[in-house]
Amino acid sequence: MSSMKFYKTTGEAGGEVAFDETLLVLDRGDQAVKDVVVATQNARRAGTASTLSKGEVAGSNKKPWKQKGTGRARAGLRQSPVWRGGAVAFGPRPRSYEGKINRKVAQLAFRHALSERIQADGLLVIESLEMTEAKTKLLAALLAKVGITRGCLIVVDRPDAMLVRAARNLPKVDVARAADVSVYDLVRHRKVLATRSGLAALAARMGKKAEVVA
């Protein structure tokens, strides 16, 4: 069995959460994780870079000088890419960088990324994270109490406006619903703090059940 540290709402240790190691996916999925992360980053690109072609550069089509007799190289139009202020040859144009990821590849990548977090003791579980006040210092103190000092991904089952407001001023701390956690989120954060209900939702996405061991 693979276990994760479990904390009470106050941040005090309260047992362990156990996962069956045979259900973890660690022997495969590295390439799937890379493909999904690259696809995620590509999809976030704006794709708005744009350059002008010869037909879009301002200017007439008049020949700058006659073809022969001047001693200079022949020139057909001032919009030529070899001229300063001219067009750009094969320059970038607005486009989408999104790529297709097969459903099974995405599922394998998620299971492998989460399994690695569990194996590396990077996934911690807390009973709940219900903030009565949107105070950053309260959340920072709680994270420090469970041993998180350099940022983490907080996973909850349902969105909590107070929690989001309390976490947004903490560097490298993100809050996400379990249903919205991506492979990129799991790879980018070395520590993941999940509530009990958030862990259950993550476990459902992996097709496994988590058991709290007192």
N, C-alpha and C. Protein backbone atom coordinates (compact mmCIF):
# COMPACT_ATOMS: atom_id res chain seq x y z
N MET A 1 0.83 -1.19 0.00
CA MET A 1 0.00 0.00 0.00
C MET A 1 0.87 1.25 0.00
N SER A 2 0.45 2.25 -0.75
CA SER A 2 1.12 3.54 -0.76
C SER A 2 0.29 4.50 0.07
N SER A 3 0.94 5.23 0.96
CA SER A 3 0.21 6.09 1.87
C SER A 3 0.59 7.55 1.71
N MET A 4 -0.33 8.43 2.10
CA MET A 4 -0.11 9.87 2.07
C MET A 4 -0.46 10.44 3.42
N LYS A 5 0.22 11.49 3.81
CA LYS A 5 -0.03 12.13 5.10
C LYS A 5 -1.41 12.77 5.10
N PHE A 6 -2.09 12.61 6.22
CA PHE A 6 -3.43 13.17 6.37
C PHE A 6 -3.42 14.16 7.53
N TYR A 7 -4.05 15.33 7.32
CA TYR A 7 -4.07 16.38 8.34
C TYR A 7 -5.51 16.77 8.65
N LYS A 8 -5.71 17.17 9.89
CA LYS A 8 -7.01 17.67 10.29
C LYS A 8 -7.19 19.10 9.76
N THR A 9 -8.37 19.65 9.92
CA THR A 9 -8.66 20.99 9.42
C THR A 9 -7.74 22.04 10.04
N THR A 10 -7.30 21.79 11.27
CA THR A 10 -6.42 22.73 11.96
C THR A 10 -4.97 22.61 11.52
N GLY A 11 -4.64 21.59 10.74
CA GLY A 11 -3.27 21.39 10.29
C GLY A 11 -2.51 20.35 11.08
N GLU A 12 -3.15 19.76 12.10
CA GLU A 12 -2.50 18.74 12.90
C GLU A 12 -2.57 17.38 12.20
N ALA A 13 -1.55 16.56 12.41
CA ALA A 13 -1.51 15.24 11.79
C ALA A 13 -2.69 14.41 12.27
N GLY A 14 -3.28 13.66 11.34
CA GLY A 14 -4.46 12.88 11.71
C GLY A 14 -4.54 11.53 11.05
N GLY A 15 -3.41 10.91 10.75
CA GLY A 15 -3.44 9.58 10.15
C GLY A 15 -2.88 9.57 8.74
N GLU A 16 -3.32 8.61 7.96
CA GLU A 16 -2.82 8.45 6.60
C GLU A 16 -3.96 8.10 5.64
N VAL A 17 -3.71 8.38 4.39
CA VAL A 17 -4.61 7.97 3.31
C VAL A 17 -3.87 6.93 2.49
N ALA A 18 -4.43 5.76 2.33
CA ALA A 18 -3.74 4.66 1.67
C ALA A 18 -4.30 4.40 0.28
N PHE A 19 -3.37 4.14 -0.63
CA PHE A 19 -3.72 3.74 -1.99
C PHE A 19 -3.07 2.39 -2.28
N ASP A 20 -3.78 1.55 -3.00
CA ASP A 20 -3.23 0.27 -3.42
C ASP A 20 -2.17 0.52 -4.49
N GLU A 21 -0.93 0.11 -4.24
CA GLU A 21 0.16 0.39 -5.16
C GLU A 21 -0.04 -0.27 -6.52
N THR A 22 -0.81 -1.37 -6.55
CA THR A 22 -1.03 -2.05 -7.82
C THR A 22 -1.90 -1.21 -8.76
N LEU A 23 -2.57 -0.21 -8.22
CA LEU A 23 -3.43 0.63 -9.04
C LEU A 23 -2.69 1.85 -9.59
N LEU A 24 -1.50 2.11 -9.08
CA LEU A 24 -0.72 3.24 -9.58
C LEU A 24 -0.12 2.90 -10.94
N VAL A 25 -0.03 3.89 -11.79
CA VAL A 25 0.55 3.71 -13.13
C VAL A 25 1.91 4.40 -13.15
N LEU A 26 2.96 3.61 -12.96
CA LEU A 26 4.31 4.16 -12.90
C LEU A 26 5.25 3.57 -13.96
N ASP A 27 4.87 2.46 -14.53
CA ASP A 27 5.75 1.79 -15.50
C ASP A 27 5.56 2.29 -16.92
N ARG A 28 4.60 3.15 -17.15
CA ARG A 28 4.37 3.71 -18.47
C ARG A 28 3.68 5.06 -18.32
N GLY A 29 3.72 5.83 -19.40
CA GLY A 29 3.01 7.11 -19.38
C GLY A 29 3.91 8.32 -19.45
N ASP A 30 5.24 8.14 -19.44
CA ASP A 30 6.14 9.30 -19.52
C ASP A 30 5.91 10.09 -20.80
N GLN A 31 5.84 9.39 -21.92
CA GLN A 31 5.64 10.07 -23.20
C GLN A 31 4.26 10.71 -23.27
N ALA A 32 3.27 10.05 -22.68
CA ALA A 32 1.92 10.62 -22.67
C ALA A 32 1.89 11.92 -21.89
N VAL A 33 2.60 11.96 -20.76
CA VAL A 33 2.66 13.19 -19.96
C VAL A 33 3.31 14.30 -20.76
N LYS A 34 4.41 13.99 -21.44
CA LYS A 34 5.09 15.01 -22.24
C LYS A 34 4.19 15.53 -23.35
N ASP A 35 3.50 14.62 -24.05
CA ASP A 35 2.63 15.03 -25.14
C ASP A 35 1.50 15.94 -24.65
N VAL A 36 0.92 15.59 -23.51
CA VAL A 36 -0.19 16.39 -22.99
C VAL A 36 0.30 17.75 -22.52
N VAL A 37 1.46 17.80 -21.85
CA VAL A 37 1.99 19.07 -21.37
C VAL A 37 2.33 19.99 -22.54
N VAL A 38 2.97 19.44 -23.58
CA VAL A 38 3.31 20.24 -24.76
C VAL A 38 2.03 20.75 -25.44
N ALA A 39 1.03 19.88 -25.54
CA ALA A 39 -0.23 20.29 -26.16
C ALA A 39 -0.92 21.38 -25.34
N THR A 40 -0.84 21.28 -24.01
CA THR A 40 -1.44 22.29 -23.14
C THR A 40 -0.75 23.64 -23.31
N GLN A 41 0.58 23.63 -23.34
CA GLN A 41 1.31 24.88 -23.51
C GLN A 41 1.08 25.47 -24.90
N ASN A 42 1.01 24.63 -25.91
CA ASN A 42 0.75 25.13 -27.26
C ASN A 42 -0.64 25.76 -27.36
N ALA A 43 -1.61 25.15 -26.70
CA ALA A 43 -2.98 25.68 -26.76
C ALA A 43 -3.09 27.04 -26.08
N ARG A 44 -2.16 27.34 -25.18
CA ARG A 44 -2.19 28.62 -24.48
C ARG A 44 -1.49 29.72 -25.27
N ARG A 45 -0.84 29.38 -26.35
CA ARG A 45 -0.17 30.40 -27.16
C ARG A 45 -1.21 31.26 -27.87
N ALA A 46 -0.94 32.54 -27.92
CA ALA A 46 -1.89 33.46 -28.54
C ALA A 46 -1.97 33.23 -30.05
N GLY A 47 -0.85 32.96 -30.67
CA GLY A 47 -0.85 32.74 -32.12
C GLY A 47 -1.22 33.97 -32.91
N THR A 48 -0.88 35.16 -32.38
CA THR A 48 -1.26 36.41 -33.05
C THR A 48 -0.11 37.07 -33.81
N ALA A 49 1.08 36.45 -33.82
CA ALA A 49 2.22 37.04 -34.54
C ALA A 49 1.87 37.16 -36.02
N SER A 50 2.15 38.32 -36.60
CA SER A 50 1.75 38.54 -37.99
C SER A 50 2.76 39.46 -38.68
N THR A 51 3.16 39.10 -39.88
CA THR A 51 4.05 39.93 -40.69
C THR A 51 3.37 40.24 -42.02
N LEU A 52 3.90 41.23 -42.75
CA LEU A 52 3.30 41.68 -44.00
C LEU A 52 3.93 40.98 -45.19
N SER A 53 3.09 40.56 -46.11
CA SER A 53 3.58 40.01 -47.37
C SER A 53 3.80 41.16 -48.37
N LYS A 54 4.31 40.83 -49.54
CA LYS A 54 4.57 41.88 -50.54
C LYS A 54 3.30 42.63 -50.92
N GLY A 55 2.19 41.90 -50.95
CA GLY A 55 0.94 42.55 -51.33
C GLY A 55 0.36 43.44 -50.25
N GLU A 56 0.89 43.35 -49.02
CA GLU A 56 0.34 44.12 -47.91
C GLU A 56 1.22 45.32 -47.53
N VAL A 57 2.45 45.36 -48.03
CA VAL A 57 3.33 46.49 -47.72
C VAL A 57 2.90 47.69 -48.55
N ALA A 58 2.80 48.86 -47.90
CA ALA A 58 2.37 50.07 -48.59
C ALA A 58 3.40 50.48 -49.64
N GLY A 59 2.93 51.00 -50.77
CA GLY A 59 3.82 51.46 -51.84
C GLY A 59 3.26 51.10 -53.20
N SER A 60 3.75 51.80 -54.22
CA SER A 60 3.28 51.53 -55.58
C SER A 60 4.04 50.36 -56.18
N ASN A 61 3.59 49.93 -57.33
CA ASN A 61 4.26 48.84 -58.03
C ASN A 61 5.23 49.36 -59.09
N LYS A 62 5.55 50.65 -58.99
CA LYS A 62 6.47 51.23 -59.97
C LYS A 62 7.88 50.67 -59.79
N LYS A 63 8.52 50.38 -60.90
CA LYS A 63 9.89 49.88 -60.85
C LYS A 63 10.81 50.99 -60.34
N PRO A 64 11.64 50.73 -59.31
CA PRO A 64 12.48 51.79 -58.73
C PRO A 64 13.39 52.46 -59.75
N TRP A 65 14.01 51.70 -60.64
CA TRP A 65 14.85 52.24 -61.72
C TRP A 65 14.81 51.27 -62.88
N LYS A 66 15.32 51.75 -63.98
CA LYS A 66 15.24 50.90 -65.17
C LYS A 66 16.10 49.65 -65.00
N GLN A 67 15.79 48.67 -65.83
CA GLN A 67 16.41 47.35 -65.67
C GLN A 67 17.91 47.39 -65.94
N LYS A 68 18.33 48.11 -66.96
CA LYS A 68 19.74 48.06 -67.36
C LYS A 68 20.33 49.47 -67.47
N GLY A 69 21.64 49.52 -67.40
CA GLY A 69 22.34 50.76 -67.67
C GLY A 69 22.69 51.59 -66.46
N THR A 70 22.21 51.25 -65.30
CA THR A 70 22.50 52.08 -64.11
C THR A 70 23.72 51.57 -63.34
N GLY A 71 24.14 50.36 -63.58
CA GLY A 71 25.24 49.77 -62.82
C GLY A 71 24.80 49.16 -61.50
N ARG A 72 23.55 49.34 -61.16
CA ARG A 72 23.05 48.75 -59.92
C ARG A 72 22.31 47.45 -60.21
N ALA A 73 22.12 46.70 -59.14
CA ALA A 73 21.39 45.44 -59.30
C ALA A 73 19.95 45.74 -59.70
N ARG A 74 19.41 44.87 -60.52
CA ARG A 74 18.03 45.07 -60.97
C ARG A 74 17.07 44.97 -59.78
N ALA A 75 16.03 45.76 -59.83
CA ALA A 75 15.02 45.76 -58.76
C ALA A 75 13.64 45.90 -59.40
N GLY A 76 12.71 45.10 -58.89
CA GLY A 76 11.38 45.11 -59.47
C GLY A 76 10.38 45.94 -58.69
N LEU A 77 10.48 45.95 -57.37
CA LEU A 77 9.54 46.71 -56.56
C LEU A 77 10.14 46.95 -55.17
N ARG A 78 9.72 48.06 -54.57
CA ARG A 78 10.30 48.43 -53.27
C ARG A 78 9.76 47.57 -52.12
N GLN A 79 8.73 46.79 -52.37
CA GLN A 79 8.20 45.92 -51.33
C GLN A 79 8.98 44.61 -51.19
N SER A 80 10.08 44.48 -51.93
CA SER A 80 10.86 43.25 -51.91
C SER A 80 11.36 42.92 -50.50
N PRO A 81 11.37 41.66 -50.10
CA PRO A 81 11.86 41.27 -48.77
C PRO A 81 13.32 41.63 -48.53
N VAL A 82 14.11 41.83 -49.57
CA VAL A 82 15.53 42.13 -49.37
C VAL A 82 15.75 43.62 -49.10
N TRP A 83 14.71 44.41 -49.19
CA TRP A 83 14.82 45.85 -48.95
C TRP A 83 14.35 46.18 -47.54
N ARG A 84 14.99 47.22 -46.94
CA ARG A 84 14.55 47.71 -45.65
C ARG A 84 13.16 48.32 -45.79
N GLY A 85 12.27 47.93 -44.91
CA GLY A 85 10.89 48.40 -44.98
C GLY A 85 10.04 47.57 -45.91
N GLY A 86 10.61 46.52 -46.48
CA GLY A 86 9.85 45.67 -47.38
C GLY A 86 9.13 44.56 -46.64
N ALA A 87 8.69 43.58 -47.40
CA ALA A 87 7.93 42.47 -46.83
C ALA A 87 8.85 41.52 -46.07
N VAL A 88 8.25 40.56 -45.41
CA VAL A 88 8.97 39.49 -44.71
C VAL A 88 8.69 38.18 -45.43
N ALA A 89 9.76 37.52 -45.83
CA ALA A 89 9.60 36.25 -46.56
C ALA A 89 9.32 35.12 -45.57
N PHE A 90 8.24 34.42 -45.79
CA PHE A 90 7.86 33.26 -44.97
C PHE A 90 7.76 33.62 -43.48
N GLY A 91 7.25 34.80 -43.19
CA GLY A 91 7.11 35.24 -41.81
C GLY A 91 5.90 34.61 -41.14
N PRO A 92 5.78 34.76 -39.82
CA PRO A 92 4.64 34.18 -39.10
C PRO A 92 3.33 34.86 -39.45
N ARG A 93 2.27 34.09 -39.43
CA ARG A 93 0.92 34.58 -39.65
C ARG A 93 0.03 34.09 -38.52
N PRO A 94 -1.07 34.77 -38.24
CA PRO A 94 -1.96 34.31 -37.17
C PRO A 94 -2.39 32.86 -37.40
N ARG A 95 -2.27 32.05 -36.36
CA ARG A 95 -2.61 30.63 -36.49
C ARG A 95 -2.91 30.06 -35.10
N SER A 96 -3.50 28.89 -35.09
CA SER A 96 -3.76 28.17 -33.84
C SER A 96 -2.70 27.09 -33.67
N TYR A 97 -2.18 26.98 -32.46
CA TYR A 97 -1.16 25.97 -32.16
C TYR A 97 -1.74 24.75 -31.46
N GLU A 98 -3.05 24.69 -31.35
CA GLU A 98 -3.68 23.57 -30.66
C GLU A 98 -3.43 22.27 -31.39
N GLY A 99 -3.20 21.22 -30.60
CA GLY A 99 -2.98 19.89 -31.14
C GLY A 99 -3.97 18.90 -30.56
N LYS A 100 -4.15 17.80 -31.23
CA LYS A 100 -5.13 16.80 -30.79
C LYS A 100 -4.44 15.77 -29.88
N ILE A 101 -5.07 15.49 -28.77
CA ILE A 101 -4.60 14.45 -27.86
C ILE A 101 -5.73 13.42 -27.71
N ASN A 102 -5.42 12.18 -27.97
CA ASN A 102 -6.43 11.13 -27.85
C ASN A 102 -6.89 10.98 -26.40
N ARG A 103 -8.12 10.60 -26.22
CA ARG A 103 -8.70 10.50 -24.89
C ARG A 103 -7.93 9.52 -24.01
N LYS A 104 -7.56 8.38 -24.55
CA LYS A 104 -6.84 7.38 -23.75
C LYS A 104 -5.44 7.87 -23.38
N VAL A 105 -4.82 8.61 -24.26
CA VAL A 105 -3.50 9.18 -23.95
C VAL A 105 -3.62 10.19 -22.81
N ALA A 106 -4.66 11.02 -22.86
CA ALA A 106 -4.88 12.01 -21.81
C ALA A 106 -5.16 11.33 -20.48
N GLN A 107 -5.94 10.26 -20.49
CA GLN A 107 -6.24 9.54 -19.26
C GLN A 107 -4.98 8.90 -18.69
N LEU A 108 -4.17 8.30 -19.55
CA LEU A 108 -2.92 7.68 -19.10
C LEU A 108 -1.98 8.73 -18.52
N ALA A 109 -1.89 9.88 -19.17
CA ALA A 109 -1.02 10.95 -18.68
C ALA A 109 -1.47 11.43 -17.30
N PHE A 110 -2.77 11.60 -17.10
CA PHE A 110 -3.26 12.04 -15.79
C PHE A 110 -2.97 11.01 -14.71
N ARG A 111 -3.23 9.75 -14.99
CA ARG A 111 -3.00 8.70 -14.00
C ARG A 111 -1.52 8.59 -13.67
N HIS A 112 -0.65 8.72 -14.68
CA HIS A 112 0.79 8.62 -14.43
C HIS A 112 1.29 9.82 -13.64
N ALA A 113 0.84 11.02 -13.99
CA ALA A 113 1.29 12.22 -13.28
C ALA A 113 0.84 12.19 -11.82
N LEU A 114 -0.39 11.79 -11.56
CA LEU A 114 -0.88 11.72 -10.19
C LEU A 114 -0.18 10.60 -9.42
N SER A 115 0.07 9.49 -10.08
CA SER A 115 0.78 8.38 -9.43
C SER A 115 2.18 8.80 -9.02
N GLU A 116 2.84 9.58 -9.86
CA GLU A 116 4.18 10.05 -9.50
C GLU A 116 4.14 10.98 -8.30
N ARG A 117 3.11 11.82 -8.22
CA ARG A 117 3.00 12.70 -7.06
C ARG A 117 2.79 11.88 -5.78
N ILE A 118 2.00 10.82 -5.87
CA ILE A 118 1.75 9.98 -4.71
C ILE A 118 3.03 9.25 -4.30
N GLN A 119 3.73 8.69 -5.27
CA GLN A 119 4.95 7.94 -4.96
C GLN A 119 6.04 8.84 -4.37
N ALA A 120 6.10 10.09 -4.83
CA ALA A 120 7.14 11.01 -4.37
C ALA A 120 6.74 11.76 -3.10
N ASP A 121 5.67 11.32 -2.43
CA ASP A 121 5.18 11.98 -1.22
C ASP A 121 4.85 13.45 -1.48
N GLY A 122 4.40 13.74 -2.69
CA GLY A 122 4.06 15.11 -3.04
C GLY A 122 2.59 15.42 -2.90
N LEU A 123 1.78 14.43 -2.48
CA LEU A 123 0.35 14.64 -2.33
C LEU A 123 -0.02 14.53 -0.86
N LEU A 124 -0.53 15.61 -0.30
CA LEU A 124 -0.96 15.65 1.09
C LEU A 124 -2.48 15.81 1.12
N VAL A 125 -3.09 15.30 2.18
CA VAL A 125 -4.55 15.34 2.30
C VAL A 125 -4.92 16.06 3.58
N ILE A 126 -5.91 16.95 3.49
CA ILE A 126 -6.43 17.66 4.65
C ILE A 126 -7.94 17.46 4.71
N GLU A 127 -8.46 17.45 5.93
CA GLU A 127 -9.89 17.17 6.11
C GLU A 127 -10.75 18.13 5.30
N SER A 128 -10.50 19.43 5.44
CA SER A 128 -11.26 20.44 4.68
C SER A 128 -10.50 21.75 4.71
N LEU A 129 -10.89 22.65 3.83
CA LEU A 129 -10.28 23.98 3.76
C LEU A 129 -11.39 25.01 3.60
N GLU A 130 -12.15 25.18 4.65
CA GLU A 130 -13.25 26.15 4.62
C GLU A 130 -12.78 27.43 5.31
N MET A 131 -12.56 28.45 4.51
CA MET A 131 -12.07 29.72 5.03
C MET A 131 -13.24 30.60 5.45
N THR A 132 -13.23 31.02 6.71
CA THR A 132 -14.26 31.95 7.19
C THR A 132 -13.94 33.38 6.80
N GLU A 133 -12.66 33.66 6.55
CA GLU A 133 -12.21 34.97 6.12
C GLU A 133 -11.23 34.80 4.97
N ALA A 134 -11.25 35.74 4.03
CA ALA A 134 -10.32 35.69 2.90
C ALA A 134 -8.99 36.33 3.31
N LYS A 135 -8.33 35.70 4.29
CA LYS A 135 -7.09 36.23 4.84
C LYS A 135 -5.91 35.39 4.35
N THR A 136 -5.00 36.03 3.63
CA THR A 136 -3.84 35.33 3.10
C THR A 136 -2.97 34.77 4.22
N LYS A 137 -2.81 35.53 5.30
CA LYS A 137 -1.92 35.09 6.38
C LYS A 137 -2.46 33.84 7.08
N LEU A 138 -3.78 33.68 7.12
CA LEU A 138 -4.35 32.48 7.73
C LEU A 138 -4.04 31.24 6.90
N LEU A 139 -4.19 31.38 5.59
CA LEU A 139 -3.89 30.25 4.71
C LEU A 139 -2.39 29.96 4.70
N ALA A 140 -1.56 31.00 4.69
CA ALA A 140 -0.11 30.80 4.70
C ALA A 140 0.32 30.08 5.97
N ALA A 141 -0.29 30.43 7.10
CA ALA A 141 0.06 29.77 8.35
C ALA A 141 -0.35 28.30 8.33
N LEU A 142 -1.51 28.01 7.74
CA LEU A 142 -1.97 26.63 7.66
C LEU A 142 -1.05 25.80 6.76
N LEU A 143 -0.66 26.39 5.61
CA LEU A 143 0.24 25.67 4.70
C LEU A 143 1.59 25.40 5.37
N ALA A 144 2.08 26.39 6.11
CA ALA A 144 3.36 26.19 6.81
C ALA A 144 3.24 25.10 7.86
N LYS A 145 2.07 24.99 8.47
CA LYS A 145 1.87 23.99 9.52
C LYS A 145 1.91 22.57 8.97
N VAL A 146 1.47 22.41 7.72
CA VAL A 146 1.51 21.07 7.11
C VAL A 146 2.80 20.84 6.33
N GLY A 147 3.72 21.81 6.39
CA GLY A 147 5.03 21.62 5.78
C GLY A 147 5.18 22.13 4.37
N ILE A 148 4.26 22.99 3.92
CA ILE A 148 4.34 23.53 2.57
C ILE A 148 4.81 24.98 2.64
N THR A 149 5.97 25.26 2.11
CA THR A 149 6.55 26.61 2.19
C THR A 149 6.91 27.19 0.84
N ARG A 150 6.89 26.39 -0.22
CA ARG A 150 7.31 26.89 -1.53
C ARG A 150 6.23 26.72 -2.59
N GLY A 151 5.01 26.95 -2.22
CA GLY A 151 3.93 26.88 -3.18
C GLY A 151 3.37 25.47 -3.33
N CYS A 152 2.14 25.41 -3.83
CA CYS A 152 1.49 24.11 -4.02
C CYS A 152 0.23 24.30 -4.86
N LEU A 153 -0.35 23.18 -5.19
CA LEU A 153 -1.66 23.16 -5.86
C LEU A 153 -2.68 22.69 -4.84
N ILE A 154 -3.67 23.52 -4.56
CA ILE A 154 -4.73 23.17 -3.62
C ILE A 154 -5.91 22.63 -4.42
N VAL A 155 -6.31 21.41 -4.10
CA VAL A 155 -7.39 20.75 -4.84
C VAL A 155 -8.61 20.62 -3.94
N VAL A 156 -9.72 21.15 -4.40
CA VAL A 156 -10.98 21.06 -3.66
C VAL A 156 -12.04 20.44 -4.57
N ASP A 157 -13.11 19.98 -3.94
CA ASP A 157 -14.20 19.38 -4.71
C ASP A 157 -15.09 20.44 -5.33
N ARG A 158 -15.37 21.50 -4.57
CA ARG A 158 -16.21 22.59 -5.05
C ARG A 158 -15.47 23.90 -4.90
N PRO A 159 -15.71 24.87 -5.79
CA PRO A 159 -15.01 26.16 -5.71
C PRO A 159 -15.37 26.90 -4.43
N ASP A 160 -14.38 27.56 -3.85
CA ASP A 160 -14.56 28.33 -2.63
C ASP A 160 -13.99 29.72 -2.86
N ALA A 161 -14.87 30.72 -2.92
CA ALA A 161 -14.43 32.08 -3.23
C ALA A 161 -13.46 32.61 -2.18
N MET A 162 -13.74 32.31 -0.90
CA MET A 162 -12.86 32.77 0.18
C MET A 162 -11.47 32.17 0.03
N LEU A 163 -11.41 30.90 -0.28
CA LEU A 163 -10.12 30.22 -0.42
C LEU A 163 -9.34 30.78 -1.60
N VAL A 164 -10.03 31.03 -2.69
CA VAL A 164 -9.36 31.58 -3.88
C VAL A 164 -8.80 32.96 -3.58
N ARG A 165 -9.56 33.78 -2.89
CA ARG A 165 -9.09 35.13 -2.55
C ARG A 165 -7.92 35.06 -1.58
N ALA A 166 -7.94 34.12 -0.66
CA ALA A 166 -6.86 34.00 0.32
C ALA A 166 -5.58 33.50 -0.32
N ALA A 167 -5.71 32.73 -1.39
CA ALA A 167 -4.53 32.11 -2.00
C ALA A 167 -3.92 32.93 -3.13
N ARG A 168 -4.64 33.91 -3.67
CA ARG A 168 -4.17 34.56 -4.87
C ARG A 168 -2.96 35.46 -4.64
N ASN A 169 -2.69 35.85 -3.39
CA ASN A 169 -1.51 36.65 -3.10
C ASN A 169 -0.31 35.82 -2.66
N LEU A 170 -0.48 34.51 -2.57
CA LEU A 170 0.62 33.63 -2.20
C LEU A 170 1.35 33.19 -3.48
N PRO A 171 2.66 33.37 -3.54
CA PRO A 171 3.39 32.99 -4.75
C PRO A 171 3.37 31.48 -4.98
N LYS A 172 3.11 31.12 -6.23
CA LYS A 172 3.14 29.72 -6.66
C LYS A 172 2.11 28.85 -5.95
N VAL A 173 1.02 29.47 -5.50
CA VAL A 173 -0.08 28.72 -4.89
C VAL A 173 -1.31 28.89 -5.77
N ASP A 174 -1.85 27.78 -6.25
CA ASP A 174 -3.02 27.80 -7.12
C ASP A 174 -4.12 26.94 -6.50
N VAL A 175 -5.35 27.32 -6.76
CA VAL A 175 -6.52 26.58 -6.28
C VAL A 175 -7.28 26.06 -7.49
N ALA A 176 -7.65 24.79 -7.46
CA ALA A 176 -8.36 24.21 -8.61
C ALA A 176 -9.36 23.17 -8.12
N ARG A 177 -10.45 23.04 -8.85
CA ARG A 177 -11.39 21.95 -8.59
C ARG A 177 -10.77 20.64 -9.05
N ALA A 178 -11.10 19.56 -8.39
CA ALA A 178 -10.55 18.26 -8.75
C ALA A 178 -10.91 17.90 -10.19
N ALA A 179 -12.10 18.31 -10.62
CA ALA A 179 -12.53 17.99 -11.98
C ALA A 179 -11.74 18.77 -13.02
N ASP A 180 -11.11 19.89 -12.60
CA ASP A 180 -10.39 20.75 -13.55
C ASP A 180 -8.88 20.57 -13.49
N VAL A 181 -8.38 19.77 -12.56
CA VAL A 181 -6.93 19.59 -12.44
C VAL A 181 -6.40 18.93 -13.71
N SER A 182 -5.37 19.54 -14.28
CA SER A 182 -4.79 19.03 -15.52
C SER A 182 -3.45 18.37 -15.25
N VAL A 183 -2.97 17.68 -16.25
CA VAL A 183 -1.64 17.06 -16.16
C VAL A 183 -0.58 18.13 -15.96
N TYR A 184 -0.74 19.26 -16.63
CA TYR A 184 0.22 20.36 -16.50
C TYR A 184 0.25 20.88 -15.06
N ASP A 185 -0.91 20.95 -14.40
CA ASP A 185 -0.95 21.38 -13.00
C ASP A 185 -0.17 20.43 -12.11
N LEU A 186 -0.32 19.13 -12.34
CA LEU A 186 0.36 18.14 -11.51
C LEU A 186 1.86 18.15 -11.75
N VAL A 187 2.28 18.43 -12.97
CA VAL A 187 3.70 18.46 -13.29
C VAL A 187 4.35 19.74 -12.76
N ARG A 188 3.63 20.85 -12.84
CA ARG A 188 4.19 22.15 -12.47
C ARG A 188 4.34 22.32 -10.97
N HIS A 189 3.47 21.69 -10.19
CA HIS A 189 3.52 21.81 -8.73
C HIS A 189 4.11 20.54 -8.13
N ARG A 190 5.15 20.72 -7.33
CA ARG A 190 5.77 19.58 -6.67
C ARG A 190 4.95 19.11 -5.47
N LYS A 191 4.14 20.01 -4.91
CA LYS A 191 3.30 19.65 -3.78
C LYS A 191 1.84 19.88 -4.14
N VAL A 192 1.00 18.92 -3.76
CA VAL A 192 -0.44 19.02 -3.98
C VAL A 192 -1.12 18.78 -2.64
N LEU A 193 -1.96 19.73 -2.24
CA LEU A 193 -2.74 19.60 -1.01
C LEU A 193 -4.20 19.45 -1.39
N ALA A 194 -4.75 18.28 -1.12
CA ALA A 194 -6.13 17.98 -1.51
C ALA A 194 -6.99 17.80 -0.28
N THR A 195 -8.20 18.32 -0.33
CA THR A 195 -9.16 18.05 0.74
C THR A 195 -9.64 16.61 0.61
N ARG A 196 -10.32 16.13 1.64
CA ARG A 196 -10.80 14.75 1.59
C ARG A 196 -11.74 14.55 0.40
N SER A 197 -12.66 15.51 0.22
CA SER A 197 -13.59 15.39 -0.90
C SER A 197 -12.88 15.60 -2.23
N GLY A 198 -11.86 16.48 -2.24
CA GLY A 198 -11.09 16.67 -3.46
C GLY A 198 -10.32 15.43 -3.85
N LEU A 199 -9.78 14.74 -2.85
CA LEU A 199 -9.06 13.49 -3.12
C LEU A 199 -10.00 12.44 -3.68
N ALA A 200 -11.22 12.37 -3.13
CA ALA A 200 -12.19 11.40 -3.63
C ALA A 200 -12.52 11.67 -5.09
N ALA A 201 -12.61 12.97 -5.45
CA ALA A 201 -12.89 13.31 -6.85
C ALA A 201 -11.71 12.97 -7.74
N LEU A 202 -10.49 13.21 -7.26
CA LEU A 202 -9.31 12.82 -8.03
C LEU A 202 -9.25 11.30 -8.20
N ALA A 203 -9.56 10.58 -7.11
CA ALA A 203 -9.55 9.13 -7.17
C ALA A 203 -10.57 8.61 -8.16
N ALA A 204 -11.72 9.29 -8.24
CA ALA A 204 -12.75 8.87 -9.20
C ALA A 204 -12.25 9.03 -10.63
N ARG A 205 -11.45 10.07 -10.87
CA ARG A 205 -10.89 10.27 -12.21
C ARG A 205 -9.85 9.19 -12.55
N MET A 206 -9.23 8.62 -11.52
CA MET A 206 -8.26 7.55 -11.74
C MET A 206 -8.90 6.18 -11.72
N GLY A 207 -10.16 6.12 -11.31
CA GLY A 207 -10.84 4.84 -11.26
C GLY A 207 -10.46 4.04 -10.04
N LYS A 208 -10.15 4.71 -8.92
CA LYS A 208 -9.77 4.02 -7.71
C LYS A 208 -10.40 4.71 -6.50
N LYS A 209 -10.39 4.03 -5.38
CA LYS A 209 -10.96 4.58 -4.15
C LYS A 209 -9.85 4.78 -3.12
N ALA A 210 -9.97 5.85 -2.36
CA ALA A 210 -9.00 6.14 -1.30
C ALA A 210 -9.61 5.78 0.04
N GLU A 211 -8.77 5.27 0.91
CA GLU A 211 -9.24 4.87 2.22
C GLU A 211 -8.42 5.58 3.28
N VAL A 212 -9.08 6.22 4.22
CA VAL A 212 -8.39 6.91 5.31
C VAL A 212 -8.07 5.90 6.38
N VAL A 213 -6.80 5.79 6.72
CA VAL A 213 -6.35 4.88 7.76
C VAL A 213 -6.03 5.69 9.00
N ALA A 214 -6.72 5.44 10.08
CA ALA A 214 -6.53 6.19 11.32
C ALA A 214 -5.16 5.89 11.94
